[in-house]
PDB file of N, CA and C in Angstrom:
ATOM      1  N   UNK A   1      33.896 -19.080   8.968  1.00  0.00           N
ATOM      2  CA  UNK A   1      34.447 -17.867   9.320  1.00  0.00           C
ATOM      3  C   UNK A   1      35.513 -17.608   8.060  1.00  0.00           C
ATOM      4  N   UNK A   2      35.626 -16.418   7.525  1.00  0.00           N
ATOM      5  CA  UNK A   2      36.547 -15.882   6.510  1.00  0.00           C
ATOM      6  C   UNK A   2      38.046 -15.835   7.269  1.00  0.00           C
ATOM      7  N   UNK A   3      39.229 -15.826   6.351  1.00  0.00           N
ATOM      8  CA  UNK A   3      40.506 -15.914   6.592  1.00  0.00           C
ATOM      9  C   UNK A   3      40.691 -14.634   7.625  1.00  0.00           C
ATOM     10  N   UNK A   4      41.663 -14.924   8.583  1.00  0.00           N
ATOM     11  CA  UNK A   4      41.907 -13.890   9.576  1.00  0.00           C
ATOM     12  C   UNK A   4      42.725 -12.874   8.804  1.00  0.00           C
ATOM     13  N   UNK A   5      42.687 -11.516   9.159  1.00  0.00           N
ATOM     14  CA  UNK A   5      43.398 -10.631   8.646  1.00  0.00           C
ATOM     15  C   UNK A   5      44.379 -10.054   9.586  1.00  0.00           C
ATOM     16  N   UNK A   6      45.819  -9.694   9.292  1.00  0.00           N
ATOM     17  CA  UNK A   6      46.750  -9.347  10.190  1.00  0.00           C
ATOM     18  C   UNK A   6      46.267  -7.753  10.553  1.00  0.00           C
ATOM     19  N   UNK A   7      46.464  -7.495  11.765  1.00  0.00           N
ATOM     20  CA  UNK A   7      46.104  -6.139  12.092  1.00  0.00           C
ATOM     21  C   UNK A   7      46.806  -4.984  11.490  1.00  0.00           C
ATOM     22  N   UNK A   8      48.121  -5.379  11.055  1.00  0.00           N
ATOM     23  CA  UNK A   8      48.945  -4.469  10.355  1.00  0.00           C
ATOM     24  C   UNK A   8      48.241  -3.983   8.942  1.00  0.00           C
ATOM     25  N   UNK A   9      47.398  -4.971   8.300  1.00  0.00           N
ATOM     26  CA  UNK A   9      46.994  -4.551   7.041  1.00  0.00           C
ATOM     27  C   UNK A   9      45.561  -3.578   7.188  1.00  0.00           C
ATOM     28  N   UNK A  10      45.109  -3.597   8.261  1.00  0.00           N
ATOM     29  CA  UNK A  10      43.871  -2.870   8.525  1.00  0.00           C
ATOM     30  C   UNK A  10      44.341  -1.247   8.537  1.00  0.00           C
ATOM     31  N   UNK A  11      43.513  -0.380   7.740  1.00  0.00           N
ATOM     32  CA  UNK A  11      43.760   0.973   7.891  1.00  0.00           C
ATOM     33  C   UNK A  11      43.010   1.491   9.157  1.00  0.00           C
ATOM     34  N   UNK A  12      43.803   1.850  10.210  1.00  0.00           N
ATOM     35  CA  UNK A  12      43.305   2.200  11.506  1.00  0.00           C
ATOM     36  C   UNK A  12      43.265   3.786  11.561  1.00  0.00           C
ATOM     37  N   UNK A  13      43.279   4.242  10.600  1.00  0.00           N
ATOM     38  CA  UNK A  13      43.429   5.881  10.484  1.00  0.00           C
ATOM     39  C   UNK A  13      41.967   6.232  10.026  1.00  0.00           C
ATOM     40  N   UNK A  14      41.222   5.178   9.466  1.00  0.00           N
ATOM     41  CA  UNK A  14      39.680   5.619   9.072  1.00  0.00           C
ATOM     42  C   UNK A  14      38.852   5.424  10.368  1.00  0.00           C
ATOM     43  N   UNK A  15      38.096   6.275  10.651  1.00  0.00           N
ATOM     44  CA  UNK A  15      37.018   6.096  11.671  1.00  0.00           C
ATOM     45  C   UNK A  15      36.070   5.034  11.207  1.00  0.00           C
ATOM     46  N   UNK A  16      35.593   4.118  12.168  1.00  0.00           N
ATOM     47  CA  UNK A  16      34.719   3.119  11.883  1.00  0.00           C
ATOM     48  C   UNK A  16      33.409   3.727  11.314  1.00  0.00           C
ATOM     49  N   UNK A  17      32.679   3.126  10.534  1.00  0.00           N
ATOM     50  CA  UNK A  17      31.474   3.387   9.807  1.00  0.00           C
ATOM     51  C   UNK A  17      30.298   3.152  10.879  1.00  0.00           C
ATOM     52  N   UNK A  18      29.688   4.047  11.490  1.00  0.00           N
ATOM     53  CA  UNK A  18      28.486   3.684  12.243  1.00  0.00           C
ATOM     54  C   UNK A  18      27.431   2.880  11.615  1.00  0.00           C
ATOM     55  N   UNK A  19      26.829   1.918  12.191  1.00  0.00           N
ATOM     56  CA  UNK A  19      25.897   0.944  11.401  1.00  0.00           C
ATOM     57  C   UNK A  19      24.604   1.837  11.227  1.00  0.00           C
ATOM     58  N   UNK A  20      23.994   1.588  10.095  1.00  0.00           N
ATOM     59  CA  UNK A  20      22.645   2.216   9.995  1.00  0.00           C
ATOM     60  C   UNK A  20      21.480   1.886  10.977  1.00  0.00           C
ATOM     61  N   UNK A  21      20.483   2.716  10.995  1.00  0.00           N
ATOM     62  CA  UNK A  21      19.457   2.461  12.066  1.00  0.00           C
ATOM     63  C   UNK A  21      18.920   0.693  11.660  1.00  0.00           C
ATOM     64  N   UNK A  22      18.744   0.442  12.673  1.00  0.00           N
ATOM     65  CA  UNK A  22      18.274  -1.203  12.612  1.00  0.00           C
ATOM     66  C   UNK A  22      16.593  -1.079  11.896  1.00  0.00           C
ATOM     67  N   UNK A  23      16.555  -1.896  11.055  1.00  0.00           N
ATOM     68  CA  UNK A  23      15.159  -1.967  10.656  1.00  0.00           C
ATOM     69  C   UNK A  23      15.149  -2.982   9.297  1.00  0.00           C
ATOM     70  N   UNK A  24      13.915  -3.321   8.922  1.00  0.00           N
ATOM     71  CA  UNK A  24      13.821  -4.263   7.774  1.00  0.00           C
ATOM     72  C   UNK A  24      14.067  -3.290   6.583  1.00  0.00           C
ATOM     73  N   UNK A  25      15.298  -2.814   6.263  1.00  0.00           N
ATOM     74  CA  UNK A  25      15.559  -2.099   5.262  1.00  0.00           C
ATOM     75  C   UNK A  25      16.934  -2.649   4.220  1.00  0.00           C
ATOM     76  N   UNK A  26      16.820  -2.293   3.024  1.00  0.00           N
ATOM     77  CA  UNK A  26      18.109  -2.563   2.386  1.00  0.00           C
ATOM     78  C   UNK A  26      19.335  -1.984   3.002  1.00  0.00           C
ATOM     79  N   UNK A  27      19.310  -1.038   3.479  1.00  0.00           N
ATOM     80  CA  UNK A  27      20.521  -0.492   4.007  1.00  0.00           C
ATOM     81  C   UNK A  27      21.187  -1.412   5.074  1.00  0.00           C
ATOM     82  N   UNK A  28      20.186  -1.620   6.199  1.00  0.00           N
ATOM     83  CA  UNK A  28      20.445  -2.355   7.147  1.00  0.00           C
ATOM     84  C   UNK A  28      20.829  -3.929   6.845  1.00  0.00           C
ATOM     85  N   UNK A  29      20.304  -4.162   5.743  1.00  0.00           N
ATOM     86  CA  UNK A  29      20.602  -5.849   5.278  1.00  0.00           C
ATOM     87  C   UNK A  29      22.021  -5.737   4.504  1.00  0.00           C
ATOM     88  N   UNK A  30      22.461  -4.599   4.060  1.00  0.00           N
ATOM     89  CA  UNK A  30      23.610  -4.590   3.394  1.00  0.00           C
ATOM     90  C   UNK A  30      24.805  -4.497   4.444  1.00  0.00           C
ATOM     91  N   UNK A  31      24.467  -3.734   5.503  1.00  0.00           N
ATOM     92  CA  UNK A  31      25.294  -3.678   6.653  1.00  0.00           C
ATOM     93  C   UNK A  31      25.530  -5.175   7.321  1.00  0.00           C
ATOM     94  N   UNK A  32      24.360  -5.803   7.342  1.00  0.00           N
ATOM     95  CA  UNK A  32      24.601  -7.384   7.930  1.00  0.00           C
ATOM     96  C   UNK A  32      25.219  -8.250   6.979  1.00  0.00           C
ATOM     97  N   UNK A  33      25.080  -7.931   5.806  1.00  0.00           N
ATOM     98  CA  UNK A  33      25.770  -8.798   4.889  1.00  0.00           C
ATOM     99  C   UNK A  33      27.189  -8.572   4.864  1.00  0.00           C
ATOM    100  N   UNK A  34      27.598  -7.175   5.050  1.00  0.00           N
ATOM    101  CA  UNK A  34      29.021  -6.864   5.284  1.00  0.00           C
ATOM    102  C   UNK A  34      29.705  -7.326   6.459  1.00  0.00           C
ATOM    103  N   UNK A  35      29.091  -7.232   7.619  1.00  0.00           N
ATOM    104  CA  UNK A  35      29.530  -7.756   8.688  1.00  0.00           C
ATOM    105  C   UNK A  35      29.417  -9.105   8.934  1.00  0.00           C
ATOM    106  N   UNK A  36      28.688 -10.052   8.149  1.00  0.00           N
ATOM    107  CA  UNK A  36      28.469 -11.445   8.114  1.00  0.00           C
ATOM    108  C   UNK A  36      29.504 -12.031   7.158  1.00  0.00           C
ATOM    109  N   UNK A  37      30.148 -11.158   6.306  1.00  0.00           N
ATOM    110  CA  UNK A  37      31.076 -11.551   5.278  1.00  0.00           C
ATOM    111  C   UNK A  37      30.405 -12.460   4.283  1.00  0.00           C
ATOM    112  N   UNK A  38      28.982 -12.166   3.785  1.00  0.00           N
ATOM    113  CA  UNK A  38      28.436 -12.614   2.784  1.00  0.00           C
ATOM    114  C   UNK A  38      29.245 -12.492   1.434  1.00  0.00           C
ATOM    115  N   UNK A  39      29.826 -11.569   1.123  1.00  0.00           N
ATOM    116  CA  UNK A  39      30.359 -11.399  -0.062  1.00  0.00           C
ATOM    117  C   UNK A  39      31.525 -12.139  -0.502  1.00  0.00           C
ATOM    118  N   UNK A  40      32.188 -12.623   0.696  1.00  0.00           N
ATOM    119  CA  UNK A  40      33.402 -13.207   0.508  1.00  0.00           C
ATOM    120  C   UNK A  40      33.136 -14.692  -0.211  1.00  0.00           C
ATOM    121  N   UNK A  41      31.860 -15.041   0.019  1.00  0.00           N
ATOM    122  CA  UNK A  41      31.795 -16.393  -0.741  1.00  0.00           C
ATOM    123  C   UNK A  41      30.664 -16.148  -1.798  1.00  0.00           C
ATOM    124  N   UNK A  42      29.854 -15.454  -1.564  1.00  0.00           N
ATOM    125  CA  UNK A  42      28.684 -15.164  -2.727  1.00  0.00           C
ATOM    126  C   UNK A  42      29.084 -14.202  -3.638  1.00  0.00           C
ATOM    127  N   UNK A  43      30.357 -13.529  -3.586  1.00  0.00           N
ATOM    128  CA  UNK A  43      30.697 -12.165  -4.549  1.00  0.00           C
ATOM    129  C   UNK A  43      30.096 -11.073  -4.371  1.00  0.00           C
ATOM    130  N   UNK A  44      30.701 -10.217  -5.088  1.00  0.00           N
ATOM    131  CA  UNK A  44      30.012  -8.749  -4.906  1.00  0.00           C
ATOM    132  C   UNK A  44      28.645  -8.731  -5.040  1.00  0.00           C
ATOM    133  N   UNK A  45      28.188  -9.296  -6.196  1.00  0.00           N
ATOM    134  CA  UNK A  45      26.701  -9.185  -6.570  1.00  0.00           C
ATOM    135  C   UNK A  45      25.897 -10.361  -5.889  1.00  0.00           C
ATOM    136  N   UNK A  46      26.438 -11.065  -4.833  1.00  0.00           N
ATOM    137  CA  UNK A  46      25.711 -12.059  -4.243  1.00  0.00           C
ATOM    138  C   UNK A  46      25.160 -13.277  -5.190  1.00  0.00           C
ATOM    139  N   UNK A  47      25.798 -13.357  -6.224  1.00  0.00           N
ATOM    140  CA  UNK A  47      25.368 -14.524  -7.159  1.00  0.00           C
ATOM    141  C   UNK A  47      25.911 -15.835  -6.933  1.00  0.00           C
ATOM    142  N   UNK A  48      27.247 -15.787  -5.945  1.00  0.00           N
ATOM    143  CA  UNK A  48      27.612 -16.991  -5.906  1.00  0.00           C
ATOM    144  C   UNK A  48      28.483 -17.825  -7.061  1.00  0.00           C
ATOM    145  N   UNK A  49      28.916 -18.845  -6.712  1.00  0.00           N
ATOM    146  CA  UNK A  49      29.683 -19.531  -7.845  1.00  0.00           C
ATOM    147  C   UNK A  49      28.966 -20.345  -8.737  1.00  0.00           C
ATOM    148  N   UNK A  50      27.855 -20.811  -8.475  1.00  0.00           N
ATOM    149  CA  UNK A  50      27.095 -21.517  -9.409  1.00  0.00           C
ATOM    150  C   UNK A  50      25.602 -21.579  -9.626  1.00  0.00           C
ATOM    151  N   UNK A  51      25.135 -20.229  -9.072  1.00  0.00           N
ATOM    152  CA  UNK A  51      23.604 -20.048  -9.409  1.00  0.00           C
ATOM    153  C   UNK A  51      23.326 -19.249  -8.391  1.00  0.00           C
ATOM    154  N   UNK A  52      21.695 -18.985  -8.340  1.00  0.00           N
ATOM    155  CA  UNK A  52      21.303 -17.966  -7.403  1.00  0.00           C
ATOM    156  C   UNK A  52      21.308 -18.633  -5.943  1.00  0.00           C
ATOM    157  N   UNK A  53      21.212 -17.834  -5.033  1.00  0.00           N
ATOM    158  CA  UNK A  53      21.170 -18.165  -3.548  1.00  0.00           C
ATOM    159  C   UNK A  53      20.049 -18.932  -3.234  1.00  0.00           C
ATOM    160  N   UNK A  54      19.856 -19.660  -2.160  1.00  0.00           N
ATOM    161  CA  UNK A  54      18.451 -20.036  -1.886  1.00  0.00           C
ATOM    162  C   UNK A  54      17.369 -19.048  -1.934  1.00  0.00           C
ATOM    163  N   UNK A  55      16.151 -19.349  -2.195  1.00  0.00           N
ATOM    164  CA  UNK A  55      15.075 -18.419  -2.217  1.00  0.00           C
ATOM    165  C   UNK A  55      14.286 -18.393  -0.704  1.00  0.00           C
ATOM    166  N   UNK A  56      14.289 -19.512  -0.265  1.00  0.00           N
ATOM    167  CA  UNK A  56      13.782 -19.570   1.111  1.00  0.00           C
ATOM    168  C   UNK A  56      14.662 -19.389   2.251  1.00  0.00           C
ATOM    169  N   UNK A  57      14.905 -18.040   2.449  1.00  0.00           N
ATOM    170  CA  UNK A  57      15.607 -17.690   3.458  1.00  0.00           C
ATOM    171  C   UNK A  57      15.465 -18.268   4.677  1.00  0.00           C
ATOM    172  N   UNK A  58      14.387 -18.269   5.349  1.00  0.00           N
ATOM    173  CA  UNK A  58      14.137 -18.669   6.704  1.00  0.00           C
ATOM    174  C   UNK A  58      14.465 -19.998   6.788  1.00  0.00           C
ATOM    175  N   UNK A  59      14.176 -20.890   5.847  1.00  0.00           N
ATOM    176  CA  UNK A  59      14.681 -22.267   5.980  1.00  0.00           C
ATOM    177  C   UNK A  59      16.109 -22.300   5.911  1.00  0.00           C
ATOM    178  N   UNK A  60      16.691 -21.906   4.901  1.00  0.00           N
ATOM    179  CA  UNK A  60      18.097 -21.882   4.615  1.00  0.00           C
ATOM    180  C   UNK A  60      19.102 -21.490   5.791  1.00  0.00           C
ATOM    181  N   UNK A  61      18.394 -20.164   6.308  1.00  0.00           N
ATOM    182  CA  UNK A  61      19.330 -19.410   7.417  1.00  0.00           C
ATOM    183  C   UNK A  61      18.934 -20.207   8.764  1.00  0.00           C
ATOM    184  N   UNK A  62      17.779 -20.583   8.864  1.00  0.00           N
ATOM    185  CA  UNK A  62      17.505 -21.296  10.162  1.00  0.00           C
ATOM    186  C   UNK A  62      17.728 -22.765  10.374  1.00  0.00           C
ATOM    187  N   UNK A  63      17.490 -23.521   9.386  1.00  0.00           N
ATOM    188  CA  UNK A  63      17.738 -24.813   9.485  1.00  0.00           C
ATOM    189  C   UNK A  63      18.694 -25.488   8.681  1.00  0.00           C
ATOM    190  N   UNK A  64      19.315 -24.770   7.748  1.00  0.00           N
ATOM    191  CA  UNK A  64      20.469 -25.264   6.807  1.00  0.00           C
ATOM    192  C   UNK A  64      19.903 -26.112   5.816  1.00  0.00           C
ATOM    193  N   UNK A  65      18.725 -25.877   5.315  1.00  0.00           N
ATOM    194  CA  UNK A  65      18.068 -26.677   4.170  1.00  0.00           C
ATOM    195  C   UNK A  65      17.515 -25.902   2.996  1.00  0.00           C
ATOM    196  N   UNK A  66      17.819 -26.472   1.844  1.00  0.00           N
ATOM    197  CA  UNK A  66      17.475 -25.620   0.498  1.00  0.00           C
ATOM    198  C   UNK A  66      15.732 -25.767   0.477  1.00  0.00           C
ATOM    199  N   UNK A  67      15.106 -25.122  -0.313  1.00  0.00           N
ATOM    200  CA  UNK A  67      13.548 -25.176  -0.445  1.00  0.00           C
ATOM    201  C   UNK A  67      13.166 -26.740  -0.885  1.00  0.00           C
ATOM    202  N   UNK A  68      14.008 -27.417  -1.512  1.00  0.00           N
ATOM    203  CA  UNK A  68      13.771 -29.000  -1.749  1.00  0.00           C
ATOM    204  C   UNK A  68      13.898 -29.846  -0.480  1.00  0.00           C
ATOM    205  N   UNK A  69      14.665 -29.415   0.586  1.00  0.00           N
ATOM    206  CA  UNK A  69      14.883 -30.148   1.651  1.00  0.00           C
ATOM    207  C   UNK A  69      16.323 -30.556   1.897  1.00  0.00           C
ATOM    208  N   UNK A  70      16.935 -30.474   0.911  1.00  0.00           N
ATOM    209  CA  UNK A  70      18.295 -31.088   0.886  1.00  0.00           C
ATOM    210  C   UNK A  70      19.342 -30.128   1.608  1.00  0.00           C
ATOM    211  N   UNK A  71      20.242 -30.652   2.576  1.00  0.00           N
ATOM    212  CA  UNK A  71      20.984 -29.816   3.332  1.00  0.00           C
ATOM    213  C   UNK A  71      22.074 -28.978   2.763  1.00  0.00           C
ATOM    214  N   UNK A  72      22.282 -27.984   3.510  1.00  0.00           N
ATOM    215  CA  UNK A  72      23.332 -27.052   2.890  1.00  0.00           C
ATOM    216  C   UNK A  72      24.551 -27.456   3.602  1.00  0.00           C
ATOM    217  N   UNK A  73      25.748 -27.522   2.827  1.00  0.00           N
ATOM    218  CA  UNK A  73      27.092 -28.202   3.361  1.00  0.00           C
ATOM    219  C   UNK A  73      27.622 -27.187   4.527  1.00  0.00           C
ATOM    220  N   UNK A  74      28.623 -27.637   5.087  1.00  0.00           N
ATOM    221  CA  UNK A  74      29.021 -26.789   6.379  1.00  0.00           C
ATOM    222  C   UNK A  74      29.825 -25.539   6.014  1.00  0.00           C
ATOM    223  N   UNK A  75      30.159 -25.345   4.513  1.00  0.00           N
ATOM    224  CA  UNK A  75      30.926 -24.251   4.359  1.00  0.00           C
ATOM    225  C   UNK A  75      30.002 -22.998   4.448  1.00  0.00           C
ATOM    226  N   UNK A  76      28.516 -23.082   4.290  1.00  0.00           N
ATOM    227  CA  UNK A  76      27.607 -21.978   4.556  1.00  0.00           C
ATOM    228  C   UNK A  76      27.265 -22.005   6.155  1.00  0.00           C
ATOM    229  N   UNK A  77      27.783 -20.804   6.728  1.00  0.00           N
ATOM    230  CA  UNK A  77      27.624 -20.698   8.290  1.00  0.00           C
ATOM    231  C   UNK A  77      26.224 -20.367   8.690  1.00  0.00           C
ATOM    232  N   UNK A  78      25.255 -21.503   8.367  1.00  0.00           N
ATOM    233  CA  UNK A  78      23.942 -21.045   8.548  1.00  0.00           C
ATOM    234  C   UNK A  78      23.807 -21.232  10.075  1.00  0.00           C
ATOM    235  N   UNK A  79      24.501 -21.883  10.892  1.00  0.00           N
ATOM    236  CA  UNK A  79      24.161 -22.092  12.116  1.00  0.00           C
ATOM    237  C   UNK A  79      24.354 -20.671  12.895  1.00  0.00           C
ATOM    238  N   UNK A  80      25.587 -19.884  12.716  1.00  0.00           N
ATOM    239  CA  UNK A  80      25.685 -18.679  13.317  1.00  0.00           C
ATOM    240  C   UNK A  80      24.702 -17.724  12.707  1.00  0.00           C
ATOM    241  N   UNK A  81      24.343 -17.547  11.427  1.00  0.00           N
ATOM    242  CA  UNK A  81      23.479 -16.539  10.789  1.00  0.00           C
ATOM    243  C   UNK A  81      22.417 -16.926  11.134  1.00  0.00           C
ATOM    244  N   UNK A  82      21.878 -18.188  11.529  1.00  0.00           N
ATOM    245  CA  UNK A  82      20.588 -18.362  11.785  1.00  0.00           C
ATOM    246  C   UNK A  82      20.161 -18.080  13.257  1.00  0.00           C
ATOM    247  N   UNK A  83      21.113 -17.242  13.808  1.00  0.00           N
ATOM    248  CA  UNK A  83      20.858 -16.746  15.233  1.00  0.00           C
ATOM    249  C   UNK A  83      20.518 -15.273  14.913  1.00  0.00           C
ATOM    250  N   UNK A  84      20.356 -14.915  13.893  1.00  0.00           N
ATOM    251  CA  UNK A  84      19.919 -13.477  13.636  1.00  0.00           C
ATOM    252  C   UNK A  84      18.249 -13.515  14.007  1.00  0.00           C
ATOM    253  N   UNK A  85      18.018 -12.282  14.125  1.00  0.00           N
ATOM    254  CA  UNK A  85      16.375 -12.057  14.782  1.00  0.00           C
ATOM    255  C   UNK A  85      15.656 -12.000  13.261  1.00  0.00           C
ATOM    256  N   UNK A  86      14.509 -12.413  13.270  1.00  0.00           N
ATOM    257  CA  UNK A  86      13.529 -12.189  12.259  1.00  0.00           C
ATOM    258  C   UNK A  86      13.731 -11.138  11.300  1.00  0.00           C
ATOM    259  N   UNK A  87      13.502  -9.981  12.095  1.00  0.00           N
ATOM    260  CA  UNK A  87      13.768  -8.803  11.231  1.00  0.00           C
ATOM    261  C   UNK A  87      15.235  -8.678  10.525  1.00  0.00           C
ATOM    262  N   UNK A  88      16.059  -8.927  11.291  1.00  0.00           N
ATOM    263  CA  UNK A  88      17.543  -9.022  10.673  1.00  0.00           C
ATOM    264  C   UNK A  88      17.539  -9.840   9.162  1.00  0.00           C
ATOM    265  N   UNK A  89      17.113 -11.057   9.448  1.00  0.00           N
ATOM    266  CA  UNK A  89      16.860 -11.802   8.154  1.00  0.00           C
ATOM    267  C   UNK A  89      16.174 -11.453   7.215  1.00  0.00           C
ATOM    268  N   UNK A  90      14.930 -10.565   7.527  1.00  0.00           N
ATOM    269  CA  UNK A  90      14.113  -9.761   6.565  1.00  0.00           C
ATOM    270  C   UNK A  90      14.982  -8.622   5.959  1.00  0.00           C
ATOM    271  N   UNK A  91      15.698  -8.003   6.695  1.00  0.00           N
ATOM    272  CA  UNK A  91      16.549  -6.899   6.140  1.00  0.00           C
ATOM    273  C   UNK A  91      17.578  -7.453   5.191  1.00  0.00           C
ATOM    274  N   UNK A  92      18.288  -8.507   5.675  1.00  0.00           N
ATOM    275  CA  UNK A  92      19.169  -9.216   4.739  1.00  0.00           C
ATOM    276  C   UNK A  92      18.678  -9.722   3.472  1.00  0.00           C
ATOM    277  N   UNK A  93      17.399 -10.044   3.497  1.00  0.00           N
ATOM    278  CA  UNK A  93      16.625 -10.764   2.239  1.00  0.00           C
ATOM    279  C   UNK A  93      16.233  -9.742   1.345  1.00  0.00           C
ATOM    280  N   UNK A  94      15.765  -8.294   2.033  1.00  0.00           N
ATOM    281  CA  UNK A  94      15.681  -7.243   1.314  1.00  0.00           C
ATOM    282  C   UNK A  94      16.861  -6.712   0.439  1.00  0.00           C
ATOM    283  N   UNK A  95      18.005  -6.775   1.264  1.00  0.00           N
ATOM    284  CA  UNK A  95      19.137  -6.587   0.326  1.00  0.00           C
ATOM    285  C   UNK A  95      19.559  -7.188  -0.691  1.00  0.00           C
ATOM    286  N   UNK A  96      19.448  -8.737  -0.485  1.00  0.00           N
ATOM    287  CA  UNK A  96      19.760  -9.823  -1.504  1.00  0.00           C
ATOM    288  C   UNK A  96      18.869  -9.647  -2.853  1.00  0.00           C
ATOM    289  N   UNK A  97      17.463  -9.285  -2.256  1.00  0.00           N
ATOM    290  CA  UNK A  97      16.727  -8.849  -3.469  1.00  0.00           C
ATOM    291  C   UNK A  97      16.884  -7.632  -4.245  1.00  0.00           C
ATOM    292  N   UNK A  98      17.648  -6.714  -3.551  1.00  0.00           N
ATOM    293  CA  UNK A  98      18.166  -5.375  -4.442  1.00  0.00           C
ATOM    294  C   UNK A  98      19.307  -5.675  -5.052  1.00  0.00           C
ATOM    295  N   UNK A  99      20.049  -6.790  -5.042  1.00  0.00           N
ATOM    296  CA  UNK A  99      21.551  -6.785  -5.469  1.00  0.00           C
ATOM    297  C   UNK A  99      21.088  -7.051  -7.101  1.00  0.00           C
ATOM    298  N   UNK A 100      22.081  -6.567  -7.952  1.00  0.00           N
ATOM    299  CA  UNK A 100      21.840  -6.389  -9.535  1.00  0.00           C
ATOM    300  C   UNK A 100      21.650  -7.740 -10.172  1.00  0.00           C
ATOM    301  N   UNK A 101      22.090  -8.769  -9.452  1.00  0.00           N
ATOM    302  CA  UNK A 101      22.188 -10.266 -10.351  1.00  0.00           C
ATOM    303  C   UNK A 101      20.463 -10.451 -10.816  1.00  0.00           C
ATOM    304  N   UNK A 102      20.520 -10.781 -11.934  1.00  0.00           N
ATOM    305  CA  UNK A 102      19.253 -11.037 -12.701  1.00  0.00           C
ATOM    306  C   UNK A 102      18.396 -12.173 -11.959  1.00  0.00           C
ATOM    307  N   UNK A 103      19.170 -13.212 -11.576  1.00  0.00           N
ATOM    308  CA  UNK A 103      18.455 -14.537 -11.250  1.00  0.00           C
ATOM    309  C   UNK A 103      17.700 -14.221  -9.838  1.00  0.00           C
ATOM    310  N   UNK A 104      18.258 -13.236  -9.158  1.00  0.00           N
ATOM    311  CA  UNK A 104      17.592 -12.714  -7.773  1.00  0.00           C
ATOM    312  C   UNK A 104      16.213 -12.236  -7.937  1.00  0.00           C
ATOM    313  N   UNK A 105      15.635 -11.765  -8.964  1.00  0.00           N
ATOM    314  CA  UNK A 105      14.526 -11.087  -9.191  1.00  0.00           C
ATOM    315  C   UNK A 105      13.168 -12.080  -9.416  1.00  0.00           C
TER     316      UNK A 105
END
């Protein structure tokens, strides 16, 4: 989980933005990435700090393992994110694939 933010720092004058329609879309994936705080660790272009994110999202997000079978460390909250539905993970993957970082293509 990311750092806690004091309630006083939040702009409560802005109305909350309604989520997009659920579906396997880039827009819904962007929303999921935002509420899951993916950008906090992976950066604004989702490139992360040392290379591209794992390509096998179902294995990484469901079981905490990279495509080569090595385990992902505890900093990646795959246990909670692994609770997403298949369609939510598909939408998130569509969003990741749409990111401007060249290594994601």
